N, C-alpha and C. Protein backbone atom coordinates (compact mmCIF):
# COMPACT_ATOMS: atom_id res chain seq x y z
N MET A 1 -5.15 -17.77 4.58
CA MET A 1 -4.04 -18.10 3.71
C MET A 1 -2.78 -18.21 4.54
N GLN A 2 -1.95 -19.15 4.18
CA GLN A 2 -0.67 -19.33 4.85
C GLN A 2 0.43 -19.47 3.81
N THR A 3 1.63 -19.12 4.21
CA THR A 3 2.80 -19.31 3.37
C THR A 3 3.96 -19.67 4.28
N THR A 4 5.08 -20.09 3.71
CA THR A 4 6.23 -20.52 4.49
C THR A 4 7.44 -19.69 4.07
N ILE A 5 8.31 -19.39 5.03
CA ILE A 5 9.56 -18.69 4.74
C ILE A 5 10.58 -19.75 4.31
N SER A 6 11.21 -19.52 3.15
CA SER A 6 12.20 -20.47 2.65
C SER A 6 13.52 -20.31 3.40
N SER A 7 14.47 -21.21 3.13
CA SER A 7 15.79 -21.13 3.77
C SER A 7 16.53 -19.86 3.36
N LYS A 8 16.11 -19.23 2.25
CA LYS A 8 16.70 -17.96 1.80
C LYS A 8 15.87 -16.77 2.27
N PHE A 9 14.95 -17.01 3.19
CA PHE A 9 14.06 -15.98 3.74
C PHE A 9 13.15 -15.37 2.66
N GLN A 10 12.77 -16.16 1.69
CA GLN A 10 11.84 -15.72 0.66
C GLN A 10 10.45 -16.20 1.02
N VAL A 11 9.45 -15.40 0.64
CA VAL A 11 8.05 -15.72 0.92
C VAL A 11 7.28 -15.67 -0.40
N VAL A 12 6.44 -16.67 -0.63
CA VAL A 12 5.57 -16.68 -1.81
C VAL A 12 4.23 -16.08 -1.41
N ILE A 13 3.78 -15.09 -2.17
CA ILE A 13 2.47 -14.49 -1.92
C ILE A 13 1.44 -15.41 -2.59
N PRO A 14 0.46 -15.90 -1.85
CA PRO A 14 -0.53 -16.82 -2.43
C PRO A 14 -1.21 -16.23 -3.66
N LYS A 15 -1.50 -17.10 -4.62
CA LYS A 15 -2.07 -16.69 -5.91
C LYS A 15 -3.35 -15.88 -5.73
N GLN A 16 -4.21 -16.30 -4.82
CA GLN A 16 -5.48 -15.59 -4.60
C GLN A 16 -5.22 -14.14 -4.20
N ALA A 17 -4.26 -13.90 -3.33
CA ALA A 17 -3.92 -12.53 -2.91
C ALA A 17 -3.29 -11.75 -4.05
N ARG A 18 -2.38 -12.38 -4.81
CA ARG A 18 -1.74 -11.70 -5.96
C ARG A 18 -2.77 -11.25 -6.97
N GLU A 19 -3.74 -12.12 -7.26
CA GLU A 19 -4.76 -11.78 -8.25
C GLU A 19 -5.69 -10.69 -7.73
N HIS A 20 -6.10 -10.79 -6.48
CA HIS A 20 -7.02 -9.81 -5.89
C HIS A 20 -6.39 -8.42 -5.86
N LEU A 21 -5.09 -8.34 -5.54
CA LEU A 21 -4.39 -7.06 -5.45
C LEU A 21 -3.78 -6.63 -6.78
N LYS A 22 -3.92 -7.49 -7.79
CA LYS A 22 -3.36 -7.21 -9.13
C LYS A 22 -1.86 -6.92 -9.07
N LEU A 23 -1.14 -7.75 -8.31
CA LEU A 23 0.30 -7.61 -8.19
C LEU A 23 0.97 -8.12 -9.46
N GLN A 24 2.07 -7.50 -9.84
CA GLN A 24 2.79 -7.86 -11.05
C GLN A 24 4.23 -8.25 -10.67
N PRO A 25 4.88 -9.10 -11.50
CA PRO A 25 6.28 -9.43 -11.24
C PRO A 25 7.14 -8.16 -11.23
N LYS A 26 8.12 -8.14 -10.36
CA LYS A 26 9.06 -7.02 -10.17
C LYS A 26 8.43 -5.78 -9.56
N GLN A 27 7.15 -5.84 -9.19
CA GLN A 27 6.52 -4.71 -8.50
C GLN A 27 7.11 -4.59 -7.11
N LYS A 28 7.35 -3.37 -6.66
CA LYS A 28 7.94 -3.12 -5.35
C LYS A 28 6.87 -3.18 -4.26
N LEU A 29 7.27 -3.71 -3.09
CA LEU A 29 6.41 -3.74 -1.92
C LEU A 29 7.13 -3.01 -0.79
N THR A 30 6.40 -2.25 -0.02
CA THR A 30 6.93 -1.64 1.19
C THR A 30 6.60 -2.57 2.34
N VAL A 31 7.61 -2.92 3.14
CA VAL A 31 7.42 -3.84 4.27
C VAL A 31 7.53 -3.03 5.56
N ILE A 32 6.50 -3.13 6.40
CA ILE A 32 6.46 -2.42 7.67
C ILE A 32 6.33 -3.45 8.79
N GLU A 33 7.16 -3.32 9.82
CA GLU A 33 7.05 -4.20 10.98
C GLU A 33 6.42 -3.38 12.10
N LYS A 34 5.32 -3.89 12.65
CA LYS A 34 4.62 -3.18 13.72
C LYS A 34 3.98 -4.19 14.66
N ASP A 35 4.27 -4.06 15.93
CA ASP A 35 3.67 -4.91 16.97
C ASP A 35 3.76 -6.40 16.64
N GLY A 36 4.91 -6.84 16.15
CA GLY A 36 5.11 -8.25 15.85
C GLY A 36 4.47 -8.72 14.56
N MET A 37 4.01 -7.79 13.73
CA MET A 37 3.39 -8.15 12.46
C MET A 37 4.21 -7.57 11.31
N LEU A 38 4.20 -8.24 10.18
CA LEU A 38 4.77 -7.70 8.96
C LEU A 38 3.62 -7.27 8.06
N ILE A 39 3.68 -6.05 7.58
CA ILE A 39 2.64 -5.52 6.70
C ILE A 39 3.32 -5.20 5.37
N MET A 40 2.82 -5.76 4.29
CA MET A 40 3.39 -5.49 2.97
C MET A 40 2.39 -4.67 2.17
N LEU A 41 2.84 -3.53 1.69
CA LEU A 41 2.00 -2.62 0.93
C LEU A 41 2.54 -2.48 -0.48
N PRO A 42 1.74 -2.77 -1.50
CA PRO A 42 2.23 -2.60 -2.86
C PRO A 42 2.40 -1.12 -3.18
N GLN A 43 3.54 -0.79 -3.79
CA GLN A 43 3.77 0.58 -4.22
C GLN A 43 3.04 0.80 -5.53
N ARG A 44 2.37 1.91 -5.63
CA ARG A 44 1.61 2.26 -6.84
C ARG A 44 2.22 3.50 -7.45
N PRO A 45 2.17 3.64 -8.77
CA PRO A 45 2.67 4.86 -9.40
C PRO A 45 1.80 6.05 -9.00
N LEU A 46 2.38 7.25 -8.99
CA LEU A 46 1.65 8.44 -8.57
C LEU A 46 0.39 8.68 -9.41
N ASN A 47 0.45 8.37 -10.70
CA ASN A 47 -0.74 8.62 -11.53
C ASN A 47 -1.89 7.69 -11.16
N ALA A 48 -1.63 6.62 -10.42
CA ALA A 48 -2.71 5.74 -9.95
C ALA A 48 -3.51 6.40 -8.84
N LEU A 49 -2.94 7.45 -8.22
CA LEU A 49 -3.63 8.15 -7.13
C LEU A 49 -4.55 9.26 -7.65
N ARG A 50 -4.48 9.56 -8.93
CA ARG A 50 -5.30 10.63 -9.49
C ARG A 50 -6.78 10.37 -9.25
N GLY A 51 -7.46 11.34 -8.67
CA GLY A 51 -8.90 11.25 -8.47
C GLY A 51 -9.34 10.58 -7.18
N ILE A 52 -8.40 10.20 -6.28
CA ILE A 52 -8.84 9.50 -5.07
C ILE A 52 -9.59 10.41 -4.11
N ALA A 53 -9.44 11.74 -4.27
CA ALA A 53 -10.13 12.67 -3.38
C ALA A 53 -11.28 13.37 -4.09
N ALA A 54 -11.72 12.84 -5.20
CA ALA A 54 -12.83 13.45 -5.92
C ALA A 54 -14.06 13.48 -5.03
N GLY A 55 -14.70 14.63 -4.94
CA GLY A 55 -15.89 14.76 -4.14
C GLY A 55 -15.61 15.06 -2.67
N ALA A 56 -14.35 15.28 -2.33
CA ALA A 56 -14.00 15.58 -0.94
C ALA A 56 -14.53 16.97 -0.57
N ASN A 57 -15.01 17.12 0.66
CA ASN A 57 -15.51 18.39 1.15
C ASN A 57 -14.33 19.25 1.57
N VAL A 58 -14.09 20.34 0.85
CA VAL A 58 -12.97 21.23 1.16
C VAL A 58 -13.45 22.56 1.72
N SER A 59 -14.70 22.64 2.12
CA SER A 59 -15.25 23.89 2.62
C SER A 59 -14.64 24.30 3.96
N ASP A 60 -14.11 23.34 4.72
CA ASP A 60 -13.53 23.64 6.02
C ASP A 60 -12.00 23.61 5.96
N TYR A 61 -11.45 23.84 4.78
CA TYR A 61 -10.01 23.80 4.56
C TYR A 61 -9.36 25.09 5.06
N ARG A 62 -8.28 24.97 5.83
CA ARG A 62 -7.58 26.14 6.36
C ARG A 62 -6.62 26.72 5.33
N ASP A 63 -6.61 28.02 5.17
CA ASP A 63 -5.64 28.72 4.34
C ASP A 63 -4.40 29.02 5.16
N LYS A 64 -3.31 29.37 4.48
CA LYS A 64 -2.08 29.73 5.18
C LYS A 64 -2.26 30.95 6.06
N LYS A 65 -3.11 31.88 5.64
CA LYS A 65 -3.23 33.15 6.36
C LYS A 65 -3.84 32.98 7.76
N ASP A 66 -4.55 31.89 8.05
CA ASP A 66 -5.09 31.74 9.39
C ASP A 66 -4.27 30.78 10.26
N ARG A 67 -3.06 30.43 9.81
CA ARG A 67 -2.15 29.61 10.62
C ARG A 67 -1.32 30.51 11.50
N PHE A 68 -0.82 29.95 12.57
CA PHE A 68 0.00 30.75 13.49
C PHE A 68 1.44 30.75 13.06
């Protein structure tokens, strides 16, 4: 996929990417510049993160009492 930067430095996100990522109008994106690349990450509400660690192994989790 390719896009072009307009004279106002605006970029259109291709429709295929918008649909795949379920982006919505006025949704915020975080832009990160790293090693000559621009990375855009859609911001998600905190409640969208609920359950992402379900089934995680916490048996090797450190308690505060064994920290230095």
